Every structure is written in C-alpha cells, then in structure tokens.
Amino acid sequence: MSTLPESDESAAEWQELLLLYPLYCALDREFVIEFPRCSDLEGGVEAPTQESVEQAQQWFADMDQRIQVHQLRQFLQTTTLTSENGLRAMLQHY
C-alpha cells in the first residue's frame, strides 16, 4: 500500500473528511443508524493510502444515503458538537 502523494488538494480533502467524521458518528449514534465505522477515519490516519481515501469517500456516500433530511436538520439545530469549521465542511460536503 502506498500513501498518497502530498498534494495540497488531497491533504485538504482528507482533513475535511477527518473533520466531518465525528459529526457523522454523532448522527449515527443519535438516530441509531448503526452503520459500521471507517477504520482509517476512526484512527485519524495522517497519511492515508489512495484506497483509504476511496473507502472513506464511500463510507460518507453510504452514510449520506441513510441520513434523512429531517435528522440532519434536527442534529444541526440541537448539537453542541459542531464548530464553525465543522459547519463549513458540512455545507461544502453537501
């Protein structure tokens, strides 16, 4: 397994995924979605492989399919877990 070349774009994308991951995990817990965790995001891998990035992107796509709009709206209105950066990342993700 080779790690991704250090490009600003890939590093920024991975950092965004790391920022979003705890929010999605909180959504998962709050609404009992019960979706398996993404191991590389869970471990906070700093230099992911291309395969890790692709798995993380697929994990987010799968979670997006499971999260209902009303759940996301309620979560964002009531959670204390979001920071300004987290909200910005969430908006850019959608």
PDB file of N, CA and C in Angstrom:
ATOM      1  N   MET A   1       0.830  -1.182   0.000  1.00  0.00           N
ATOM      2  CA  MET A   1       0.000   0.000   0.000  1.00  0.00           C
ATOM      3  C   MET A   1       0.872   1.242   0.000  1.00  0.00           C
ATOM      4  N   SER A   2       0.641   2.104  -0.928  1.00  0.00           N
ATOM      5  CA  SER A   2       1.414   3.347  -0.962  1.00  0.00           C
ATOM      6  C   SER A   2       0.542   4.490  -0.475  1.00  0.00           C
ATOM      7  N   THR A   3       1.190   5.451   0.139  1.00  0.00           N
ATOM      8  CA  THR A   3       0.434   6.601   0.622  1.00  0.00           C
ATOM      9  C   THR A   3       0.240   7.589  -0.509  1.00  0.00           C
ATOM     10  N   LEU A   4      -0.722   8.447  -0.340  1.00  0.00           N
ATOM     11  CA  LEU A   4      -0.991   9.477  -1.340  1.00  0.00           C
ATOM     12  C   LEU A   4       0.170  10.446  -1.430  1.00  0.00           C
ATOM     13  N   PRO A   5       0.470  10.929  -2.620  1.00  0.00           N
ATOM     14  CA  PRO A   5       1.467  11.990  -2.699  1.00  0.00           C
ATOM     15  C   PRO A   5       0.939  13.211  -1.961  1.00  0.00           C
ATOM     16  N   GLU A   6       1.829  13.909  -1.313  1.00  0.00           N
ATOM     17  CA  GLU A   6       1.425  15.077  -0.530  1.00  0.00           C
ATOM     18  C   GLU A   6       1.059  16.237  -1.440  1.00  0.00           C
ATOM     19  N   SER A   7      -0.165  16.291  -1.852  1.00  0.00           N
ATOM     20  CA  SER A   7      -0.642  17.452  -2.593  1.00  0.00           C
ATOM     21  C   SER A   7      -1.553  18.229  -1.665  1.00  0.00           C
ATOM     22  N   ASP A   8      -1.612  19.518  -1.879  1.00  0.00           N
ATOM     23  CA  ASP A   8      -2.458  20.355  -1.034  1.00  0.00           C
ATOM     24  C   ASP A   8      -3.918  19.929  -1.129  1.00  0.00           C
ATOM     25  N   GLU A   9      -4.339  19.559  -2.333  1.00  0.00           N
ATOM     26  CA  GLU A   9      -5.737  19.184  -2.545  1.00  0.00           C
ATOM     27  C   GLU A   9      -6.098  17.896  -1.806  1.00  0.00           C
ATOM     28  N   SER A  10      -5.273  16.864  -1.938  1.00  0.00           N
ATOM     29  CA  SER A  10      -5.595  15.599  -1.277  1.00  0.00           C
ATOM     30  C   SER A  10      -5.480  15.720   0.235  1.00  0.00           C
ATOM     31  N   ALA A  11      -4.514  16.477   0.708  1.00  0.00           N
ATOM     32  CA  ALA A  11      -4.371  16.687   2.154  1.00  0.00           C
ATOM     33  C   ALA A  11      -5.564  17.458   2.699  1.00  0.00           C
ATOM     34  N   ALA A  12      -6.021  18.462   1.965  1.00  0.00           N
ATOM     35  CA  ALA A  12      -7.177  19.256   2.401  1.00  0.00           C
ATOM     36  C   ALA A  12      -8.440  18.399   2.408  1.00  0.00           C
ATOM     37  N   GLU A  13      -8.608  17.555   1.396  1.00  0.00           N
ATOM     38  CA  GLU A  13      -9.782  16.685   1.342  1.00  0.00           C
ATOM     39  C   GLU A  13      -9.793  15.724   2.528  1.00  0.00           C
ATOM     40  N   TRP A  14      -8.637  15.126   2.822  1.00  0.00           N
ATOM     41  CA  TRP A  14      -8.561  14.184   3.939  1.00  0.00           C
ATOM     42  C   TRP A  14      -8.844  14.901   5.262  1.00  0.00           C
ATOM     43  N   GLN A  15      -8.318  16.103   5.431  1.00  0.00           N
ATOM     44  CA  GLN A  15      -8.575  16.867   6.653  1.00  0.00           C
ATOM     45  C   GLN A  15     -10.064  17.184   6.792  1.00  0.00           C
ATOM     46  N   GLU A  16     -10.712  17.476   5.682  1.00  0.00           N
ATOM     47  CA  GLU A  16     -12.154  17.739   5.707  1.00  0.00           C
ATOM     48  C   GLU A  16     -12.922  16.486   6.127  1.00  0.00           C
ATOM     49  N   LEU A  17     -12.520  15.333   5.593  1.00  0.00           N
ATOM     50  CA  LEU A  17     -13.172  14.082   5.974  1.00  0.00           C
ATOM     51  C   LEU A  17     -12.968  13.797   7.459  1.00  0.00           C
ATOM     52  N   LEU A  18     -11.759  14.058   7.955  1.00  0.00           N
ATOM     53  CA  LEU A  18     -11.487  13.867   9.387  1.00  0.00           C
ATOM     54  C   LEU A  18     -12.335  14.808  10.240  1.00  0.00           C
ATOM     55  N   LEU A  19     -12.583  16.000   9.750  1.00  0.00           N
ATOM     56  CA  LEU A  19     -13.398  16.979  10.468  1.00  0.00           C
ATOM     57  C   LEU A  19     -14.877  16.563  10.490  1.00  0.00           C
ATOM     58  N   LEU A  20     -15.352  16.029   9.383  1.00  0.00           N
ATOM     59  CA  LEU A  20     -16.750  15.611   9.278  1.00  0.00           C
ATOM     60  C   LEU A  20     -17.047  14.307  10.014  1.00  0.00           C
ATOM     61  N   TYR A  21     -16.057  13.452  10.116  1.00  0.00           N
ATOM     62  CA  TYR A  21     -16.283  12.103  10.647  1.00  0.00           C
ATOM     63  C   TYR A  21     -16.942  12.086  12.027  1.00  0.00           C
ATOM     64  N   PRO A  22     -16.454  12.857  13.007  1.00  0.00           N
ATOM     65  CA  PRO A  22     -17.115  12.816  14.323  1.00  0.00           C
ATOM     66  C   PRO A  22     -18.570  13.298  14.276  1.00  0.00           C
ATOM     67  N   LEU A  23     -18.864  14.225  13.382  1.00  0.00           N
ATOM     68  CA  LEU A  23     -20.247  14.694  13.243  1.00  0.00           C
ATOM     69  C   LEU A  23     -21.141  13.576  12.711  1.00  0.00           C
ATOM     70  N   TYR A  24     -20.652  12.860  11.721  1.00  0.00           N
ATOM     71  CA  TYR A  24     -21.418  11.753  11.165  1.00  0.00           C
ATOM     72  C   TYR A  24     -21.576  10.626  12.185  1.00  0.00           C
ATOM     73  N   CYS A  25     -20.543  10.379  12.976  1.00  0.00           N
ATOM     74  CA  CYS A  25     -20.644   9.349  14.016  1.00  0.00           C
ATOM     75  C   CYS A  25     -21.673   9.750  15.065  1.00  0.00           C
ATOM     76  N   ALA A  26     -21.725  11.031  15.392  1.00  0.00           N
ATOM     77  CA  ALA A  26     -22.725  11.519  16.343  1.00  0.00           C
ATOM     78  C   ALA A  26     -24.131  11.373  15.760  1.00  0.00           C
ATOM     79  N   LEU A  27     -24.291  11.674  14.483  1.00  0.00           N
ATOM     80  CA  LEU A  27     -25.577  11.457  13.808  1.00  0.00           C
ATOM     81  C   LEU A  27     -25.965   9.984  13.874  1.00  0.00           C
ATOM     82  N   ASP A  28     -25.001   9.127  13.628  1.00  0.00           N
ATOM     83  CA  ASP A  28     -25.221   7.687  13.665  1.00  0.00           C
ATOM     84  C   ASP A  28     -25.722   7.254  15.044  1.00  0.00           C
ATOM     85  N   ARG A  29     -25.072   7.757  16.097  1.00  0.00           N
ATOM     86  CA  ARG A  29     -25.476   7.400  17.464  1.00  0.00           C
ATOM     87  C   ARG A  29     -26.850   7.977  17.815  1.00  0.00           C
ATOM     88  N   GLU A  30     -27.040   9.250  17.512  1.00  0.00           N
ATOM     89  CA  GLU A  30     -28.278   9.930  17.906  1.00  0.00           C
ATOM     90  C   GLU A  30     -29.513   9.320  17.257  1.00  0.00           C
ATOM     91  N   PHE A  31     -29.392   8.925  16.011  1.00  0.00           N
ATOM     92  CA  PHE A  31     -30.555   8.415  15.283  1.00  0.00           C
ATOM     93  C   PHE A  31     -30.502   6.898  15.077  1.00  0.00           C
ATOM     94  N   VAL A  32     -29.603   6.235  15.787  1.00  0.00           N
ATOM     95  CA  VAL A  32     -29.474   4.778  15.792  1.00  0.00           C
ATOM     96  C   VAL A  32     -29.446   4.222  14.362  1.00  0.00           C
ATOM     97  N   ILE A  33     -28.570   4.778  13.565  1.00  0.00           N
ATOM     98  CA  ILE A  33     -28.413   4.325  12.183  1.00  0.00           C
ATOM     99  C   ILE A  33     -27.636   3.009  12.150  1.00  0.00           C
ATOM    100  N   GLU A  34     -26.723   2.839  13.104  1.00  0.00           N
ATOM    101  CA  GLU A  34     -25.953   1.604  13.276  1.00  0.00           C
ATOM    102  C   GLU A  34     -25.186   1.199  12.023  1.00  0.00           C
ATOM    103  N   PHE A  35     -24.394   2.117  11.529  1.00  0.00           N
ATOM    104  CA  PHE A  35     -23.557   1.841  10.364  1.00  0.00           C
ATOM    105  C   PHE A  35     -22.132   1.608  10.852  1.00  0.00           C
ATOM    106  N   PRO A  36     -21.425   0.601  10.317  1.00  0.00           N
ATOM    107  CA  PRO A  36     -20.054   0.328  10.774  1.00  0.00           C
ATOM    108  C   PRO A  36     -19.144   1.542  10.589  1.00  0.00           C
ATOM    109  N   ARG A  37     -18.185   1.674  11.464  1.00  0.00           N
ATOM    110  CA  ARG A  37     -17.236   2.784  11.415  1.00  0.00           C
ATOM    111  C   ARG A  37     -16.223   2.589  10.285  1.00  0.00           C
ATOM    112  N   CYS A  38     -15.575   3.674   9.909  1.00  0.00           N
ATOM    113  CA  CYS A  38     -14.499   3.665   8.910  1.00  0.00           C
ATOM    114  C   CYS A  38     -13.183   3.640   9.685  1.00  0.00           C
ATOM    115  N   SER A  39     -12.444   2.557   9.592  1.00  0.00           N
ATOM    116  CA  SER A  39     -11.278   2.357  10.459  1.00  0.00           C
ATOM    117  C   SER A  39     -10.201   3.426  10.300  1.00  0.00           C
ATOM    118  N   ASP A  40      -9.886   3.842   9.090  1.00  0.00           N
ATOM    119  CA  ASP A  40      -8.835   4.851   8.911  1.00  0.00           C
ATOM    120  C   ASP A  40      -9.263   6.211   9.444  1.00  0.00           C
ATOM    121  N   LEU A  41     -10.524   6.558   9.287  1.00  0.00           N
ATOM    122  CA  LEU A  41     -11.014   7.814   9.857  1.00  0.00           C
ATOM    123  C   LEU A  41     -11.113   7.700  11.375  1.00  0.00           C
ATOM    124  N   GLU A  42     -11.518   6.548  11.848  1.00  0.00           N
ATOM    125  CA  GLU A  42     -11.624   6.306  13.288  1.00  0.00           C
ATOM    126  C   GLU A  42     -10.255   6.456  13.952  1.00  0.00           C
ATOM    127  N   GLY A  43      -9.225   5.954  13.269  1.00  0.00           N
ATOM    128  CA  GLY A  43      -7.868   6.019  13.807  1.00  0.00           C
ATOM    129  C   GLY A  43      -7.171   7.346  13.553  1.00  0.00           C
ATOM    130  N   GLY A  44      -7.777   8.206  12.751  1.00  0.00           N
ATOM    131  CA  GLY A  44      -7.172   9.503  12.466  1.00  0.00           C
ATOM    132  C   GLY A  44      -5.876   9.405  11.679  1.00  0.00           C
ATOM    133  N   VAL A  45      -5.814   8.474  10.738  1.00  0.00           N
ATOM    134  CA  VAL A  45      -4.619   8.278   9.915  1.00  0.00           C
ATOM    135  C   VAL A  45      -4.208   9.605   9.284  1.00  0.00           C
ATOM    136  N   GLU A  46      -2.934   9.947   9.416  1.00  0.00           N
ATOM    137  CA  GLU A  46      -2.468  11.234   8.891  1.00  0.00           C
ATOM    138  C   GLU A  46      -2.027  11.168   7.435  1.00  0.00           C
ATOM    139  N   ALA A  47      -1.508  10.020   7.007  1.00  0.00           N
ATOM    140  CA  ALA A  47      -1.040   9.866   5.625  1.00  0.00           C
ATOM    141  C   ALA A  47      -1.770   8.673   5.007  1.00  0.00           C
ATOM    142  N   PRO A  48      -2.990   8.882   4.525  1.00  0.00           N
ATOM    143  CA  PRO A  48      -3.797   7.767   4.022  1.00  0.00           C
ATOM    144  C   PRO A  48      -3.327   7.273   2.659  1.00  0.00           C
ATOM    145  N   THR A  49      -3.625   6.022   2.397  1.00  0.00           N
ATOM    146  CA  THR A  49      -3.395   5.474   1.064  1.00  0.00           C
ATOM    147  C   THR A  49      -4.548   5.907   0.165  1.00  0.00           C
ATOM    148  N   GLN A  50      -4.377   5.746  -1.125  1.00  0.00           N
ATOM    149  CA  GLN A  50      -5.461   6.055  -2.062  1.00  0.00           C
ATOM    150  C   GLN A  50      -6.676   5.188  -1.751  1.00  0.00           C
ATOM    151  N   GLU A  51      -6.428   3.932  -1.408  1.00  0.00           N
ATOM    152  CA  GLU A  51      -7.523   3.021  -1.057  1.00  0.00           C
ATOM    153  C   GLU A  51      -8.274   3.521   0.185  1.00  0.00           C
ATOM    154  N   SER A  52      -7.539   4.036   1.156  1.00  0.00           N
ATOM    155  CA  SER A  52      -8.166   4.569   2.373  1.00  0.00           C
ATOM    156  C   SER A  52      -9.071   5.749   2.053  1.00  0.00           C
ATOM    157  N   VAL A  53      -8.604   6.633   1.193  1.00  0.00           N
ATOM    158  CA  VAL A  53      -9.402   7.798   0.807  1.00  0.00           C
ATOM    159  C   VAL A  53     -10.666   7.344   0.083  1.00  0.00           C
ATOM    160  N   GLU A  54     -10.528   6.399  -0.822  1.00  0.00           N
ATOM    161  CA  GLU A  54     -11.686   5.899  -1.562  1.00  0.00           C
ATOM    162  C   GLU A  54     -12.685   5.220  -0.630  1.00  0.00           C
ATOM    163  N   GLN A  55     -12.184   4.449   0.342  1.00  0.00           N
ATOM    164  CA  GLN A  55     -13.075   3.802   1.309  1.00  0.00           C
ATOM    165  C   GLN A  55     -13.795   4.845   2.158  1.00  0.00           C
ATOM    166  N   ALA A  56     -13.077   5.883   2.556  1.00  0.00           N
ATOM    167  CA  ALA A  56     -13.684   6.948   3.361  1.00  0.00           C
ATOM    168  C   ALA A  56     -14.757   7.675   2.553  1.00  0.00           C
ATOM    169  N   GLN A  57     -14.465   7.969   1.291  1.00  0.00           N
ATOM    170  CA  GLN A  57     -15.457   8.631   0.443  1.00  0.00           C
ATOM    171  C   GLN A  57     -16.700   7.758   0.284  1.00  0.00           C
ATOM    172  N   GLN A  58     -16.495   6.456   0.137  1.00  0.00           N
ATOM    173  CA  GLN A  58     -17.630   5.534   0.013  1.00  0.00           C
ATOM    174  C   GLN A  58     -18.408   5.467   1.319  1.00  0.00           C
ATOM    175  N   TRP A  59     -17.692   5.504   2.447  1.00  0.00           N
ATOM    176  CA  TRP A  59     -18.351   5.488   3.757  1.00  0.00           C
ATOM    177  C   TRP A  59     -19.284   6.697   3.879  1.00  0.00           C
ATOM    178  N   PHE A  60     -18.789   7.881   3.503  1.00  0.00           N
ATOM    179  CA  PHE A  60     -19.622   9.086   3.566  1.00  0.00           C
ATOM    180  C   PHE A  60     -20.808   8.990   2.606  1.00  0.00           C
ATOM    181  N   ALA A  61     -20.587   8.465   1.419  1.00  0.00           N
ATOM    182  CA  ALA A  61     -21.684   8.311   0.453  1.00  0.00           C
ATOM    183  C   ALA A  61     -22.752   7.369   1.008  1.00  0.00           C
ATOM    184  N   ASP A  62     -22.319   6.277   1.634  1.00  0.00           N
ATOM    185  CA  ASP A  62     -23.271   5.330   2.226  1.00  0.00           C
ATOM    186  C   ASP A  62     -24.032   5.967   3.386  1.00  0.00           C
ATOM    187  N   MET A  63     -23.328   6.713   4.225  1.00  0.00           N
ATOM    188  CA  MET A  63     -23.997   7.392   5.340  1.00  0.00           C
ATOM    189  C   MET A  63     -24.983   8.437   4.818  1.00  0.00           C
ATOM    190  N   ASP A  64     -24.595   9.161   3.777  1.00  0.00           N
ATOM    191  CA  ASP A  64     -25.493  10.168   3.203  1.00  0.00           C
ATOM    192  C   ASP A  64     -26.804   9.533   2.735  1.00  0.00           C
ATOM    193  N   GLN A  65     -26.736   8.289   2.263  1.00  0.00           N
ATOM    194  CA  GLN A  65     -27.942   7.590   1.825  1.00  0.00           C
ATOM    195  C   GLN A  65     -28.840   7.212   3.002  1.00  0.00           C
ATOM    196  N   ARG A  66     -28.249   7.034   4.172  1.00  0.00           N
ATOM    197  CA  ARG A  66     -29.002   6.584   5.345  1.00  0.00           C
ATOM    198  C   ARG A  66     -29.561   7.732   6.187  1.00  0.00           C
ATOM    199  N   ILE A  67     -28.923   8.882   6.129  1.00  0.00           N
ATOM    200  CA  ILE A  67     -29.349  10.021   6.945  1.00  0.00           C
ATOM    201  C   ILE A  67     -30.510  10.724   6.248  1.00  0.00           C
ATOM    202  N   GLN A  68     -31.595  10.875   6.971  1.00  0.00           N
ATOM    203  CA  GLN A  68     -32.769  11.566   6.450  1.00  0.00           C
ATOM    204  C   GLN A  68     -32.597  13.079   6.633  1.00  0.00           C
ATOM    205  N   VAL A  69     -33.200  13.853   5.767  1.00  0.00           N
ATOM    206  CA  VAL A  69     -33.071  15.314   5.815  1.00  0.00           C
ATOM    207  C   VAL A  69     -33.513  15.859   7.165  1.00  0.00           C
ATOM    208  N   HIS A  70     -34.635  15.372   7.679  1.00  0.00           N
ATOM    209  CA  HIS A  70     -35.125  15.881   8.964  1.00  0.00           C
ATOM    210  C   HIS A  70     -34.168  15.549  10.108  1.00  0.00           C
ATOM    211  N   GLN A  71     -33.455  14.410  10.002  1.00  0.00           N
ATOM    212  CA  GLN A  71     -32.474  14.052  11.025  1.00  0.00           C
ATOM    213  C   GLN A  71     -31.301  15.025  11.004  1.00  0.00           C
ATOM    214  N   LEU A  72     -30.825  15.329   9.818  1.00  0.00           N
ATOM    215  CA  LEU A  72     -29.710  16.264   9.686  1.00  0.00           C
ATOM    216  C   LEU A  72     -30.106  17.641  10.203  1.00  0.00           C
ATOM    217  N   ARG A  73     -31.276  18.089   9.836  1.00  0.00           N
ATOM    218  CA  ARG A  73     -31.757  19.395  10.289  1.00  0.00           C
ATOM    219  C   ARG A  73     -31.855  19.436  11.815  1.00  0.00           C
ATOM    220  N   GLN A  74     -32.458  18.414  12.409  1.00  0.00           N
ATOM    221  CA  GLN A  74     -32.590  18.368  13.868  1.00  0.00           C
ATOM    222  C   GLN A  74     -31.222  18.329  14.536  1.00  0.00           C
ATOM    223  N   PHE A  75     -30.330  17.519  14.005  1.00  0.00           N
ATOM    224  CA  PHE A  75     -28.990  17.393  14.574  1.00  0.00           C
ATOM    225  C   PHE A  75     -28.267  18.737  14.560  1.00  0.00           C
ATOM    226  N   LEU A  76     -28.299  19.413  13.429  1.00  0.00           N
ATOM    227  CA  LEU A  76     -27.590  20.691  13.316  1.00  0.00           C
ATOM    228  C   LEU A  76     -28.205  21.769  14.203  1.00  0.00           C
ATOM    229  N   GLN A  77     -29.497  21.682  14.462  1.00  0.00           N
ATOM    230  CA  GLN A  77     -30.160  22.663  15.320  1.00  0.00           C
ATOM    231  C   GLN A  77     -29.899  22.417  16.798  1.00  0.00           C
ATOM    232  N   THR A  78     -29.614  21.180  17.174  1.00  0.00           N
ATOM    233  CA  THR A  78     -29.531  20.855  18.597  1.00  0.00           C
ATOM    234  C   THR A  78     -28.150  20.457  19.094  1.00  0.00           C
ATOM    235  N   THR A  79     -27.246  20.094  18.218  1.00  0.00           N
ATOM    236  CA  THR A  79     -25.953  19.595  18.678  1.00  0.00           C
ATOM    237  C   THR A  79     -25.037  20.715  19.146  1.00  0.00           C
ATOM    238  N   THR A  80     -24.195  20.375  20.084  1.00  0.00           N
ATOM    239  CA  THR A  80     -23.139  21.290  20.525  1.00  0.00           C
ATOM    240  C   THR A  80     -21.790  20.831  19.983  1.00  0.00           C
ATOM    241  N   LEU A  81     -21.797  19.812  19.148  1.00  0.00           N
ATOM    242  CA  LEU A  81     -20.557  19.231  18.634  1.00  0.00           C
ATOM    243  C   LEU A  81     -19.977  19.971  17.440  1.00  0.00           C
ATOM    244  N   THR A  82     -20.747  20.819  16.807  1.00  0.00           N
ATOM    245  CA  THR A  82     -20.263  21.469  15.596  1.00  0.00           C
ATOM    246  C   THR A  82     -19.525  22.760  15.921  1.00  0.00           C
ATOM    247  N   SER A  83     -18.427  22.926  15.230  1.00  0.00           N
ATOM    248  CA  SER A  83     -17.671  24.173  15.293  1.00  0.00           C
ATOM    249  C   SER A  83     -17.949  24.928  13.999  1.00  0.00           C
ATOM    250  N   GLU A  84     -17.438  26.133  13.905  1.00  0.00           N
ATOM    251  CA  GLU A  84     -17.605  26.879  12.654  1.00  0.00           C
ATOM    252  C   GLU A  84     -16.964  26.119  11.498  1.00  0.00           C
ATOM    253  N   ASN A  85     -15.778  25.555  11.736  1.00  0.00           N
ATOM    254  CA  ASN A  85     -15.105  24.785  10.687  1.00  0.00           C
ATOM    255  C   ASN A  85     -15.898  23.532  10.330  1.00  0.00           C
ATOM    256  N   GLY A  86     -16.479  22.888  11.334  1.00  0.00           N
ATOM    257  CA  GLY A  86     -17.289  21.702  11.082  1.00  0.00           C
ATOM    258  C   GLY A  86     -18.524  22.018  10.263  1.00  0.00           C
ATOM    259  N   LEU A  87     -19.178  23.115  10.595  1.00  0.00           N
ATOM    260  CA  LEU A  87     -20.355  23.535   9.823  1.00  0.00           C
ATOM    261  C   LEU A  87     -19.984  23.892   8.391  1.00  0.00           C
ATOM    262  N   ARG A  88     -18.873  24.582   8.233  1.00  0.00           N
ATOM    263  CA  ARG A  88     -18.412  24.944   6.890  1.00  0.00           C
ATOM    264  C   ARG A  88     -18.127  23.680   6.072  1.00  0.00           C
ATOM    265  N   ALA A  89     -17.454  22.714   6.689  1.00  0.00           N
ATOM    266  CA  ALA A  89     -17.142  21.460   5.994  1.00  0.00           C
ATOM    267  C   ALA A  89     -18.421  20.719   5.622  1.00  0.00           C
ATOM    268  N   MET A  90     -19.406  20.734   6.525  1.00  0.00           N
ATOM    269  CA  MET A  90     -20.681  20.070   6.257  1.00  0.00           C
ATOM    270  C   MET A  90     -21.387  20.734   5.076  1.00  0.00           C
ATOM    271  N   LEU A  91     -21.400  22.049   5.046  1.00  0.00           N
ATOM    272  CA  LEU A  91     -22.032  22.768   3.935  1.00  0.00           C
ATOM    273  C   LEU A  91     -21.327  22.486   2.616  1.00  0.00           C
ATOM    274  N   GLN A  92     -20.008  22.444   2.631  1.00  0.00           N
ATOM    275  CA  GLN A  92     -19.258  22.163   1.406  1.00  0.00           C
ATOM    276  C   GLN A  92     -19.475  20.726   0.951  1.00  0.00           C
ATOM    277  N   HIS A  93     -19.664  19.841   1.904  1.00  0.00           N
ATOM    278  CA  HIS A  93     -19.892  18.432   1.577  1.00  0.00           C
ATOM    279  C   HIS A  93     -21.202  18.271   0.807  1.00  0.00           C
ATOM    280  N   TYR A  94     -22.199  19.051   1.183  1.00  0.00           N
ATOM    281  CA  TYR A  94     -23.499  18.990   0.511  1.00  0.00           C
ATOM    282  C   TYR A  94     -23.554  19.986  -0.600  1.00  0.00           C
TER     283      TYR A  94
END
